[in-house]
Amino acid sequence: MNKNELSAEIAKRTGLSRKDAEAAVVTMTEIVTENLIKGEKVQIVGFGAYEVKERPARKARNPKTGESIEIGARRSPIFKPGKALKEAVLH
């Protein structure tokens, strides 16, 4: 499912116009992104949580040349599914 399909399904289920549903999807992704940039966790009870994980610098090996390379520290967004979502997918 892509953004357009999600917006269409939200419009169908809620009675919102397709344009309003798309605006809601875009706004939600913007809010989640802005909060992750600030380092804040975004938790949707029953669905899951978005947060940023700090990844330390590490050494790796280039598989083509065998040369050792340094990969810098970085921040990475992650999603942890909530209990209700896990259970729904399992059954």
PDB file of N, CA and C in Angstrom:
ATOM      1  N   MET A   1       0.853  -1.177   0.000  1.00  0.00           N
ATOM      2  CA  MET A   1       0.000   0.000   0.000  1.00  0.00           C
ATOM      3  C   MET A   1       0.891   1.230   0.000  1.00  0.00           C
ATOM      4  N   ASN A   2       0.623   2.149  -0.888  1.00  0.00           N
ATOM      5  CA  ASN A   2       1.384   3.400  -0.934  1.00  0.00           C
ATOM      6  C   ASN A   2       0.554   4.541  -0.332  1.00  0.00           C
ATOM      7  N   LYS A   3       1.114   5.747  -0.340  1.00  0.00           N
ATOM      8  CA  LYS A   3       0.456   6.893   0.290  1.00  0.00           C
ATOM      9  C   LYS A   3      -0.906   7.190  -0.341  1.00  0.00           C
ATOM     10  N   ASN A   4      -0.998   7.109  -1.653  1.00  0.00           N
ATOM     11  CA  ASN A   4      -2.279   7.387  -2.321  1.00  0.00           C
ATOM     12  C   ASN A   4      -3.338   6.357  -1.944  1.00  0.00           C
ATOM     13  N   GLU A   5      -2.949   5.096  -1.891  1.00  0.00           N
ATOM     14  CA  GLU A   5      -3.892   4.047  -1.513  1.00  0.00           C
ATOM     15  C   GLU A   5      -4.322   4.193  -0.055  1.00  0.00           C
ATOM     16  N   LEU A   6      -3.372   4.550   0.805  1.00  0.00           N
ATOM     17  CA  LEU A   6      -3.688   4.776   2.218  1.00  0.00           C
ATOM     18  C   LEU A   6      -4.661   5.940   2.369  1.00  0.00           C
ATOM     19  N   SER A   7      -4.413   7.023   1.661  1.00  0.00           N
ATOM     20  CA  SER A   7      -5.308   8.189   1.718  1.00  0.00           C
ATOM     21  C   SER A   7      -6.699   7.825   1.236  1.00  0.00           C
ATOM     22  N   ALA A   8      -6.787   7.051   0.168  1.00  0.00           N
ATOM     23  CA  ALA A   8      -8.085   6.638  -0.371  1.00  0.00           C
ATOM     24  C   ALA A   8      -8.836   5.769   0.631  1.00  0.00           C
ATOM     25  N   GLU A   9      -8.132   4.856   1.298  1.00  0.00           N
ATOM     26  CA  GLU A   9      -8.770   3.986   2.285  1.00  0.00           C
ATOM     27  C   GLU A   9      -9.240   4.781   3.499  1.00  0.00           C
ATOM     28  N   ILE A  10      -8.435   5.749   3.953  1.00  0.00           N
ATOM     29  CA  ILE A  10      -8.844   6.602   5.073  1.00  0.00           C
ATOM     30  C   ILE A  10     -10.081   7.403   4.689  1.00  0.00           C
ATOM     31  N   ALA A  11     -10.100   7.953   3.482  1.00  0.00           N
ATOM     32  CA  ALA A  11     -11.260   8.724   3.010  1.00  0.00           C
ATOM     33  C   ALA A  11     -12.512   7.846   2.984  1.00  0.00           C
ATOM     34  N   LYS A  12     -12.368   6.630   2.499  1.00  0.00           N
ATOM     35  CA  LYS A  12     -13.502   5.706   2.402  1.00  0.00           C
ATOM     36  C   LYS A  12     -14.046   5.346   3.783  1.00  0.00           C
ATOM     37  N   ARG A  13     -13.160   5.072   4.726  1.00  0.00           N
ATOM     38  CA  ARG A  13     -13.596   4.624   6.057  1.00  0.00           C
ATOM     39  C   ARG A  13     -14.111   5.743   6.952  1.00  0.00           C
ATOM     40  N   THR A  14     -13.617   6.966   6.739  1.00  0.00           N
ATOM     41  CA  THR A  14     -13.998   8.067   7.631  1.00  0.00           C
ATOM     42  C   THR A  14     -15.023   9.025   7.045  1.00  0.00           C
ATOM     43  N   GLY A  15     -15.204   8.986   5.740  1.00  0.00           N
ATOM     44  CA  GLY A  15     -16.112   9.936   5.111  1.00  0.00           C
ATOM     45  C   GLY A  15     -15.454  11.269   4.804  1.00  0.00           C
ATOM     46  N   LEU A  16     -14.154  11.378   5.077  1.00  0.00           N
ATOM     47  CA  LEU A  16     -13.416  12.590   4.707  1.00  0.00           C
ATOM     48  C   LEU A  16     -13.253  12.642   3.192  1.00  0.00           C
ATOM     49  N   SER A  17     -12.984  13.823   2.687  1.00  0.00           N
ATOM     50  CA  SER A  17     -12.669  13.914   1.265  1.00  0.00           C
ATOM     51  C   SER A  17     -11.282  13.307   1.058  1.00  0.00           C
ATOM     52  N   ARG A  18     -11.015  12.892  -0.156  1.00  0.00           N
ATOM     53  CA  ARG A  18      -9.699  12.292  -0.462  1.00  0.00           C
ATOM     54  C   ARG A  18      -8.588  13.307  -0.180  1.00  0.00           C
ATOM     55  N   LYS A  19      -8.855  14.573  -0.499  1.00  0.00           N
ATOM     56  CA  LYS A  19      -7.867  15.635  -0.278  1.00  0.00           C
ATOM     57  C   LYS A  19      -7.581  15.813   1.211  1.00  0.00           C
ATOM     58  N   ASP A  20      -8.627  15.793   2.046  1.00  0.00           N
ATOM     59  CA  ASP A  20      -8.450  15.933   3.489  1.00  0.00           C
ATOM     60  C   ASP A  20      -7.721  14.726   4.080  1.00  0.00           C
ATOM     61  N   ALA A  21      -8.045  13.539   3.582  1.00  0.00           N
ATOM     62  CA  ALA A  21      -7.383  12.327   4.065  1.00  0.00           C
ATOM     63  C   ALA A  21      -5.903  12.357   3.704  1.00  0.00           C
ATOM     64  N   GLU A  22      -5.582  12.787   2.498  1.00  0.00           N
ATOM     65  CA  GLU A  22      -4.178  12.887   2.089  1.00  0.00           C
ATOM     66  C   GLU A  22      -3.442  13.919   2.937  1.00  0.00           C
ATOM     67  N   ALA A  23      -4.097  15.033   3.237  1.00  0.00           N
ATOM     68  CA  ALA A  23      -3.486  16.061   4.081  1.00  0.00           C
ATOM     69  C   ALA A  23      -3.208  15.502   5.478  1.00  0.00           C
ATOM     70  N   ALA A  24      -4.107  14.668   5.987  1.00  0.00           N
ATOM     71  CA  ALA A  24      -3.903  14.065   7.307  1.00  0.00           C
ATOM     72  C   ALA A  24      -2.700  13.121   7.298  1.00  0.00           C
ATOM     73  N   VAL A  25      -2.556  12.322   6.243  1.00  0.00           N
ATOM     74  CA  VAL A  25      -1.422  11.399   6.130  1.00  0.00           C
ATOM     75  C   VAL A  25      -0.114  12.178   6.043  1.00  0.00           C
ATOM     76  N   VAL A  26      -0.083  13.211   5.215  1.00  0.00           N
ATOM     77  CA  VAL A  26       1.125  14.024   5.052  1.00  0.00           C
ATOM     78  C   VAL A  26       1.473  14.718   6.361  1.00  0.00           C
ATOM     79  N   THR A  27       0.478  15.262   7.042  1.00  0.00           N
ATOM     80  CA  THR A  27       0.706  15.943   8.308  1.00  0.00           C
ATOM     81  C   THR A  27       1.242  14.984   9.365  1.00  0.00           C
ATOM     82  N   MET A  28       0.697  13.777   9.420  1.00  0.00           N
ATOM     83  CA  MET A  28       1.184  12.801  10.397  1.00  0.00           C
ATOM     84  C   MET A  28       2.653  12.465  10.146  1.00  0.00           C
ATOM     85  N   THR A  29       3.022  12.225   8.893  1.00  0.00           N
ATOM     86  CA  THR A  29       4.421  11.892   8.600  1.00  0.00           C
ATOM     87  C   THR A  29       5.337  13.069   8.915  1.00  0.00           C
ATOM     88  N   GLU A  30       4.879  14.284   8.670  1.00  0.00           N
ATOM     89  CA  GLU A  30       5.682  15.467   8.996  1.00  0.00           C
ATOM     90  C   GLU A  30       5.889  15.587  10.504  1.00  0.00           C
ATOM     91  N   ILE A  31       4.834  15.353  11.276  1.00  0.00           N
ATOM     92  CA  ILE A  31       4.924  15.466  12.737  1.00  0.00           C
ATOM     93  C   ILE A  31       5.865  14.401  13.296  1.00  0.00           C
ATOM     94  N   VAL A  32       5.740  13.172  12.808  1.00  0.00           N
ATOM     95  CA  VAL A  32       6.634  12.097  13.266  1.00  0.00           C
ATOM     96  C   VAL A  32       8.073  12.452  12.926  1.00  0.00           C
ATOM     97  N   THR A  33       8.317  12.901  11.708  1.00  0.00           N
ATOM     98  CA  THR A  33       9.674  13.272  11.273  1.00  0.00           C
ATOM     99  C   THR A  33      10.242  14.396  12.128  1.00  0.00           C
ATOM    100  N   GLU A  34       9.464  15.447  12.350  1.00  0.00           N
ATOM    101  CA  GLU A  34       9.934  16.591  13.146  1.00  0.00           C
ATOM    102  C   GLU A  34      10.311  16.164  14.564  1.00  0.00           C
ATOM    103  N   ASN A  35       9.502  15.297  15.174  1.00  0.00           N
ATOM    104  CA  ASN A  35       9.791  14.850  16.534  1.00  0.00           C
ATOM    105  C   ASN A  35      11.007  13.936  16.582  1.00  0.00           C
ATOM    106  N   LEU A  36      11.198  13.111  15.578  1.00  0.00           N
ATOM    107  CA  LEU A  36      12.390  12.261  15.534  1.00  0.00           C
ATOM    108  C   LEU A  36      13.648  13.099  15.355  1.00  0.00           C
ATOM    109  N   ILE A  37      13.570  14.145  14.555  1.00  0.00           N
ATOM    110  CA  ILE A  37      14.709  15.049  14.379  1.00  0.00           C
ATOM    111  C   ILE A  37      15.097  15.679  15.705  1.00  0.00           C
ATOM    112  N   LYS A  38      14.090  16.008  16.539  1.00  0.00           N
ATOM    113  CA  LYS A  38      14.346  16.588  17.864  1.00  0.00           C
ATOM    114  C   LYS A  38      14.845  15.548  18.865  1.00  0.00           C
ATOM    115  N   GLY A  39      14.823  14.274  18.462  1.00  0.00           N
ATOM    116  CA  GLY A  39      15.261  13.210  19.358  1.00  0.00           C
ATOM    117  C   GLY A  39      14.156  12.674  20.250  1.00  0.00           C
ATOM    118  N   GLU A  40      12.925  13.031  19.955  1.00  0.00           N
ATOM    119  CA  GLU A  40      11.794  12.589  20.767  1.00  0.00           C
ATOM    120  C   GLU A  40      11.201  11.292  20.210  1.00  0.00           C
ATOM    121  N   LYS A  41      10.641  10.504  21.094  1.00  0.00           N
ATOM    122  CA  LYS A  41       9.978   9.258  20.730  1.00  0.00           C
ATOM    123  C   LYS A  41       8.515   9.559  20.414  1.00  0.00           C
ATOM    124  N   VAL A  42       7.972   8.928  19.375  1.00  0.00           N
ATOM    125  CA  VAL A  42       6.560   9.078  19.024  1.00  0.00           C
ATOM    126  C   VAL A  42       5.897   7.724  19.225  1.00  0.00           C
ATOM    127  N   GLN A  43       4.970   7.653  20.178  1.00  0.00           N
ATOM    128  CA  GLN A  43       4.334   6.381  20.504  1.00  0.00           C
ATOM    129  C   GLN A  43       2.849   6.443  20.211  1.00  0.00           C
ATOM    130  N   ILE A  44       2.369   5.460  19.454  1.00  0.00           N
ATOM    131  CA  ILE A  44       0.948   5.331  19.150  1.00  0.00           C
ATOM    132  C   ILE A  44       0.504   4.039  19.835  1.00  0.00           C
ATOM    133  N   VAL A  45      -0.205   4.169  20.946  1.00  0.00           N
ATOM    134  CA  VAL A  45      -0.591   3.021  21.756  1.00  0.00           C
ATOM    135  C   VAL A  45      -1.400   2.037  20.900  1.00  0.00           C
ATOM    136  N   GLY A  46      -1.021   0.786  20.986  1.00  0.00           N
ATOM    137  CA  GLY A  46      -1.691  -0.259  20.221  1.00  0.00           C
ATOM    138  C   GLY A  46      -1.096  -0.471  18.842  1.00  0.00           C
ATOM    139  N   PHE A  47      -0.266   0.444  18.394  1.00  0.00           N
ATOM    140  CA  PHE A  47       0.351   0.329  17.077  1.00  0.00           C
ATOM    141  C   PHE A  47       1.857   0.149  17.186  1.00  0.00           C
ATOM    142  N   GLY A  48       2.532   1.112  17.799  1.00  0.00           N
ATOM    143  CA  GLY A  48       3.970   1.000  17.956  1.00  0.00           C
ATOM    144  C   GLY A  48       4.612   2.339  18.261  1.00  0.00           C
ATOM    145  N   ALA A  49       5.941   2.340  18.234  1.00  0.00           N
ATOM    146  CA  ALA A  49       6.688   3.545  18.574  1.00  0.00           C
ATOM    147  C   ALA A  49       7.794   3.800  17.558  1.00  0.00           C
ATOM    148  N   TYR A  50       7.944   5.047  17.205  1.00  0.00           N
ATOM    149  CA  TYR A  50       9.038   5.493  16.348  1.00  0.00           C
ATOM    150  C   TYR A  50      10.059   6.169  17.248  1.00  0.00           C
ATOM    151  N   GLU A  51      11.325   5.862  17.052  1.00  0.00           N
ATOM    152  CA  GLU A  51      12.370   6.534  17.817  1.00  0.00           C
ATOM    153  C   GLU A  51      13.666   6.534  17.020  1.00  0.00           C
ATOM    154  N   VAL A  52      14.657   7.262  17.534  1.00  0.00           N
ATOM    155  CA  VAL A  52      15.953   7.356  16.877  1.00  0.00           C
ATOM    156  C   VAL A  52      16.966   6.569  17.694  1.00  0.00           C
ATOM    157  N   LYS A  53      17.728   5.741  17.014  1.00  0.00           N
ATOM    158  CA  LYS A  53      18.760   4.949  17.676  1.00  0.00           C
ATOM    159  C   LYS A  53      20.123   5.492  17.271  1.00  0.00           C
ATOM    160  N   GLU A  54      20.963   5.680  18.274  1.00  0.00           N
ATOM    161  CA  GLU A  54      22.332   6.133  18.014  1.00  0.00           C
ATOM    162  C   GLU A  54      23.190   4.918  17.657  1.00  0.00           C
ATOM    163  N   ARG A  55      23.823   4.940  16.519  1.00  0.00           N
ATOM    164  CA  ARG A  55      24.698   3.846  16.105  1.00  0.00           C
ATOM    165  C   ARG A  55      26.149   4.327  16.185  1.00  0.00           C
ATOM    166  N   PRO A  56      26.982   3.634  16.943  1.00  0.00           N
ATOM    167  CA  PRO A  56      28.374   4.068  17.096  1.00  0.00           C
ATOM    168  C   PRO A  56      29.192   3.819  15.829  1.00  0.00           C
ATOM    169  N   ALA A  57      30.334   4.498  15.743  1.00  0.00           N
ATOM    170  CA  ALA A  57      31.253   4.279  14.627  1.00  0.00           C
ATOM    171  C   ALA A  57      31.759   2.836  14.709  1.00  0.00           C
ATOM    172  N   ARG A  58      32.074   2.262  13.544  1.00  0.00           N
ATOM    173  CA  ARG A  58      32.566   0.890  13.539  1.00  0.00           C
ATOM    174  C   ARG A  58      33.465   0.657  12.339  1.00  0.00           C
ATOM    175  N   LYS A  59      34.222  -0.409  12.417  1.00  0.00           N
ATOM    176  CA  LYS A  59      35.078  -0.799  11.299  1.00  0.00           C
ATOM    177  C   LYS A  59      34.343  -1.864  10.494  1.00  0.00           C
ATOM    178  N   ALA A  60      34.508  -1.799   9.180  1.00  0.00           N
ATOM    179  CA  ALA A  60      33.900  -2.777   8.290  1.00  0.00           C
ATOM    180  C   ALA A  60      34.919  -3.139   7.215  1.00  0.00           C
ATOM    181  N   ARG A  61      34.555  -4.076   6.392  1.00  0.00           N
ATOM    182  CA  ARG A  61      35.455  -4.511   5.333  1.00  0.00           C
ATOM    183  C   ARG A  61      34.738  -4.396   3.997  1.00  0.00           C
ATOM    184  N   ASN A  62      35.412  -3.790   3.029  1.00  0.00           N
ATOM    185  CA  ASN A  62      34.884  -3.698   1.676  1.00  0.00           C
ATOM    186  C   ASN A  62      34.949  -5.107   1.072  1.00  0.00           C
ATOM    187  N   PRO A  63      33.803  -5.709   0.733  1.00  0.00           N
ATOM    188  CA  PRO A  63      33.823  -7.082   0.245  1.00  0.00           C
ATOM    189  C   PRO A  63      34.512  -7.237  -1.123  1.00  0.00           C
ATOM    190  N   LYS A  64      34.553  -6.174  -1.877  1.00  0.00           N
ATOM    191  CA  LYS A  64      35.164  -6.238  -3.202  1.00  0.00           C
ATOM    192  C   LYS A  64      36.688  -6.236  -3.123  1.00  0.00           C
ATOM    193  N   THR A  65      37.231  -5.361  -2.260  1.00  0.00           N
ATOM    194  CA  THR A  65      38.690  -5.212  -2.196  1.00  0.00           C
ATOM    195  C   THR A  65      39.301  -5.822  -0.941  1.00  0.00           C
ATOM    196  N   GLY A  66      38.482  -6.101   0.068  1.00  0.00           N
ATOM    197  CA  GLY A  66      38.992  -6.623   1.325  1.00  0.00           C
ATOM    198  C   GLY A  66      39.591  -5.541   2.217  1.00  0.00           C
ATOM    199  N   GLU A  67      39.551  -4.303   1.751  1.00  0.00           N
ATOM    200  CA  GLU A  67      40.114  -3.173   2.490  1.00  0.00           C
ATOM    201  C   GLU A  67      39.257  -2.846   3.705  1.00  0.00           C
ATOM    202  N   SER A  68      39.887  -2.522   4.826  1.00  0.00           N
ATOM    203  CA  SER A  68      39.193  -2.127   6.034  1.00  0.00           C
ATOM    204  C   SER A  68      38.774  -0.665   5.908  1.00  0.00           C
ATOM    205  N   ILE A  69      37.501  -0.377   6.246  1.00  0.00           N
ATOM    206  CA  ILE A  69      37.000   0.997   6.167  1.00  0.00           C
ATOM    207  C   ILE A  69      36.338   1.364   7.486  1.00  0.00           C
ATOM    208  N   GLU A  70      36.255   2.651   7.755  1.00  0.00           N
ATOM    209  CA  GLU A  70      35.628   3.169   8.969  1.00  0.00           C
ATOM    210  C   GLU A  70      34.245   3.709   8.599  1.00  0.00           C
ATOM    211  N   ILE A  71      33.229   3.234   9.292  1.00  0.00           N
ATOM    212  CA  ILE A  71      31.880   3.733   9.100  1.00  0.00           C
ATOM    213  C   ILE A  71      31.580   4.644  10.283  1.00  0.00           C
ATOM    214  N   GLY A  72      31.236   5.879  10.005  1.00  0.00           N
ATOM    215  CA  GLY A  72      31.019   6.873  11.052  1.00  0.00           C
ATOM    216  C   GLY A  72      29.776   6.618  11.884  1.00  0.00           C
ATOM    217  N   ALA A  73      29.736   7.239  13.055  1.00  0.00           N
ATOM    218  CA  ALA A  73      28.564   7.167  13.918  1.00  0.00           C
ATOM    219  C   ALA A  73      27.404   7.853  13.212  1.00  0.00           C
ATOM    220  N   ARG A  74      26.201   7.353  13.497  1.00  0.00           N
ATOM    221  CA  ARG A  74      25.031   7.962  12.861  1.00  0.00           C
ATOM    222  C   ARG A  74      23.792   7.733  13.713  1.00  0.00           C
ATOM    223  N   ARG A  75      22.767   8.457  13.374  1.00  0.00           N
ATOM    224  CA  ARG A  75      21.459   8.292  14.005  1.00  0.00           C
ATOM    225  C   ARG A  75      20.557   7.610  12.987  1.00  0.00           C
ATOM    226  N   SER A  76      19.755   6.657  13.443  1.00  0.00           N
ATOM    227  CA  SER A  76      18.912   5.904  12.540  1.00  0.00           C
ATOM    228  C   SER A  76      17.496   5.797  13.099  1.00  0.00           C
ATOM    229  N   PRO A  77      16.469   6.129  12.305  1.00  0.00           N
ATOM    230  CA  PRO A  77      15.104   5.989  12.797  1.00  0.00           C
ATOM    231  C   PRO A  77      14.707   4.510  12.822  1.00  0.00           C
ATOM    232  N   ILE A  78      13.998   4.111  13.875  1.00  0.00           N
ATOM    233  CA  ILE A  78      13.527   2.734  13.968  1.00  0.00           C
ATOM    234  C   ILE A  78      12.051   2.728  14.372  1.00  0.00           C
ATOM    235  N   PHE A  79      11.394   1.625  14.087  1.00  0.00           N
ATOM    236  CA  PHE A  79      10.000   1.427  14.483  1.00  0.00           C
ATOM    237  C   PHE A  79       9.927   0.147  15.294  1.00  0.00           C
ATOM    238  N   LYS A  80       9.306   0.238  16.463  1.00  0.00           N
ATOM    239  CA  LYS A  80       9.088  -0.936  17.309  1.00  0.00           C
ATOM    240  C   LYS A  80       7.580  -1.185  17.355  1.00  0.00           C
ATOM    241  N   PRO A  81       7.122  -2.299  16.812  1.00  0.00           N
ATOM    242  CA  PRO A  81       5.682  -2.563  16.832  1.00  0.00           C
ATOM    243  C   PRO A  81       5.182  -2.791  18.252  1.00  0.00           C
ATOM    244  N   GLY A  82       3.953  -2.349  18.497  1.00  0.00           N
ATOM    245  CA  GLY A  82       3.330  -2.552  19.799  1.00  0.00           C
ATOM    246  C   GLY A  82       2.769  -3.958  19.931  1.00  0.00           C
ATOM    247  N   LYS A  83       2.394  -4.325  21.134  1.00  0.00           N
ATOM    248  CA  LYS A  83       1.896  -5.663  21.427  1.00  0.00           C
ATOM    249  C   LYS A  83       0.659  -6.000  20.588  1.00  0.00           C
ATOM    250  N   ALA A  84      -0.287  -5.078  20.496  1.00  0.00           N
ATOM    251  CA  ALA A  84      -1.518  -5.335  19.745  1.00  0.00           C
ATOM    252  C   ALA A  84      -1.227  -5.570  18.260  1.00  0.00           C
ATOM    253  N   LEU A  85      -0.303  -4.816  17.688  1.00  0.00           N
ATOM    254  CA  LEU A  85       0.056  -4.998  16.286  1.00  0.00           C
ATOM    255  C   LEU A  85       0.730  -6.357  16.076  1.00  0.00           C
ATOM    256  N   LYS A  86       1.651  -6.703  16.964  1.00  0.00           N
ATOM    257  CA  LYS A  86       2.325  -8.005  16.869  1.00  0.00           C
ATOM    258  C   LYS A  86       1.312  -9.148  16.906  1.00  0.00           C
ATOM    259  N   GLU A  87       0.394  -9.071  17.873  1.00  0.00           N
ATOM    260  CA  GLU A  87      -0.607 -10.126  18.013  1.00  0.00           C
ATOM    261  C   GLU A  87      -1.534 -10.205  16.807  1.00  0.00           C
ATOM    262  N   ALA A  88      -1.914  -9.063  16.259  1.00  0.00           N
ATOM    263  CA  ALA A  88      -2.792  -9.043  15.095  1.00  0.00           C
ATOM    264  C   ALA A  88      -2.118  -9.673  13.876  1.00  0.00           C
ATOM    265  N   VAL A  89      -0.842  -9.435  13.710  1.00  0.00           N
ATOM    266  CA  VAL A  89      -0.117  -9.968  12.560  1.00  0.00           C
ATOM    267  C   VAL A  89       0.135 -11.465  12.734  1.00  0.00           C
ATOM    268  N   LEU A  90       0.367 -11.917  13.957  1.00  0.00           N
ATOM    269  CA  LEU A  90       0.626 -13.329  14.213  1.00  0.00           C
ATOM    270  C   LEU A  90      -0.594 -14.216  13.967  1.00  0.00           C
ATOM    271  N   HIS A  91      -1.790 -13.677  14.169  1.00  0.00           N
ATOM    272  CA  HIS A  91      -2.982 -14.524  14.068  1.00  0.00           C
ATOM    273  C   HIS A  91      -3.684 -14.354  12.771  1.00  0.00           C
TER     274      HIS A  91
END
